Amino acid sequence: MRVIAPFAALAFALSIASAYANEAASDETAGTIAVVDESTLVLEDGATFTISESVSIEGLEPGTEVIVSFEELGGQIFATNIAPSN
């Protein structure tokens, strides 16, 4: 039991830290589309996102005001949802 307790405590601490990190990495922003194609979204303010495969870009075009949900993974910013803000 003495050997297992420290590992259990460490596993618990890492799971809490991991959950917090995942929550903190997820965010949202709003802006106007400057460029959009099947893999990249650029807003007029210069914010650039890689579009996740599950995200539809149907009906999105330059000039559209959008709300972008995104996550940073491995130094890359992925748009996880793009919705018109109107």
Protein backbone atom coordinates (compact mmCIF):
# COMPACT_ATOMS: atom_id res chain seq x y z
CA MET A 1 0.00 0.00 0.00
CA ARG A 2 2.88 2.39 0.74
CA VAL A 3 4.13 2.09 -2.83
CA ILE A 4 0.71 2.46 -4.48
CA ALA A 5 -0.42 5.58 -2.58
CA PRO A 6 2.20 7.96 -4.05
CA PHE A 7 1.45 6.71 -7.57
CA ALA A 8 -2.28 7.11 -7.03
CA ALA A 9 -1.76 10.67 -5.79
CA LEU A 10 0.46 11.45 -8.77
CA ALA A 11 -2.08 9.99 -11.22
CA PHE A 12 -4.84 12.05 -9.63
CA ALA A 13 -2.79 15.26 -9.78
CA LEU A 14 -1.90 14.65 -13.44
CA SER A 15 -5.53 14.00 -14.38
CA ILE A 16 -6.58 17.28 -12.73
CA ALA A 17 -3.77 19.18 -14.48
CA SER A 18 -4.65 17.58 -17.81
CA ALA A 19 -8.33 18.48 -17.47
CA TYR A 20 -7.41 22.06 -16.60
CA ALA A 21 -4.99 22.31 -19.52
CA ASN A 22 -7.60 21.03 -21.97
CA GLU A 23 -10.16 23.50 -20.64
CA ALA A 24 -7.69 26.38 -20.77
CA ALA A 25 -6.63 25.56 -24.34
CA SER A 26 -10.16 25.92 -25.67
CA ASP A 27 -11.29 29.46 -26.56
CA GLU A 28 -13.51 31.57 -28.79
CA THR A 29 -13.09 34.73 -30.86
CA ALA A 30 -15.16 36.81 -33.26
CA GLY A 31 -14.14 38.55 -36.45
CA THR A 32 -14.67 39.04 -40.16
CA ILE A 33 -13.40 36.47 -42.66
CA ALA A 34 -10.60 37.71 -44.91
CA VAL A 35 -9.74 34.33 -46.50
CA VAL A 36 -11.31 30.89 -46.22
CA ASP A 37 -10.62 27.60 -48.01
CA GLU A 38 -11.01 23.93 -47.13
CA SER A 39 -8.08 23.96 -44.68
CA THR A 40 -7.45 27.55 -43.55
CA LEU A 41 -9.42 30.46 -42.11
CA VAL A 42 -7.90 33.94 -41.83
CA LEU A 43 -9.76 36.77 -40.11
CA GLU A 44 -9.28 40.43 -41.06
CA ASP A 45 -7.29 40.98 -37.83
CA GLY A 46 -4.74 38.41 -39.06
CA ALA A 47 -5.82 35.55 -36.78
CA THR A 48 -5.17 32.33 -38.71
CA PHE A 49 -6.71 28.93 -38.00
CA THR A 50 -6.33 25.45 -39.43
CA ILE A 51 -9.85 24.16 -40.03
CA SER A 52 -10.55 20.81 -38.36
CA GLU A 53 -11.85 18.13 -40.75
CA SER A 54 -15.22 17.98 -38.97
CA VAL A 55 -15.91 21.72 -39.46
CA SER A 56 -18.18 22.78 -42.31
CA ILE A 57 -17.25 25.93 -44.23
CA GLU A 58 -20.35 25.82 -46.43
CA GLY A 59 -21.73 29.32 -46.94
CA LEU A 60 -18.68 31.03 -45.39
CA GLU A 61 -16.97 33.65 -47.55
CA PRO A 62 -14.81 36.75 -47.15
CA GLY A 63 -16.72 39.54 -45.43
CA THR A 64 -18.82 37.19 -43.27
CA GLU A 65 -18.76 37.99 -39.55
CA VAL A 66 -18.14 34.79 -37.59
CA ILE A 67 -17.58 33.37 -34.15
CA VAL A 68 -14.71 30.86 -34.12
CA SER A 69 -14.22 28.26 -31.42
CA PHE A 70 -10.64 27.02 -31.40
CA GLU A 71 -8.05 24.93 -29.59
CA GLU A 72 -4.28 25.11 -29.61
CA LEU A 73 -2.66 21.72 -30.06
CA GLY A 74 1.05 21.23 -30.59
CA GLY A 75 1.59 24.90 -31.35
CA GLN A 76 -1.06 24.92 -34.08
CA ILE A 77 -4.45 26.66 -33.72
CA PHE A 78 -7.42 24.58 -34.92
CA ALA A 79 -10.88 26.00 -35.57
CA THR A 80 -13.29 23.51 -33.98
CA ASN A 81 -16.45 25.43 -34.91
CA ILE A 82 -17.16 28.39 -37.21
CA ALA A 83 -20.56 30.04 -37.09
CA PRO A 84 -21.92 33.25 -38.62
CA SER A 85 -22.38 35.81 -35.83
CA ASN A 86 -25.71 37.11 -37.21
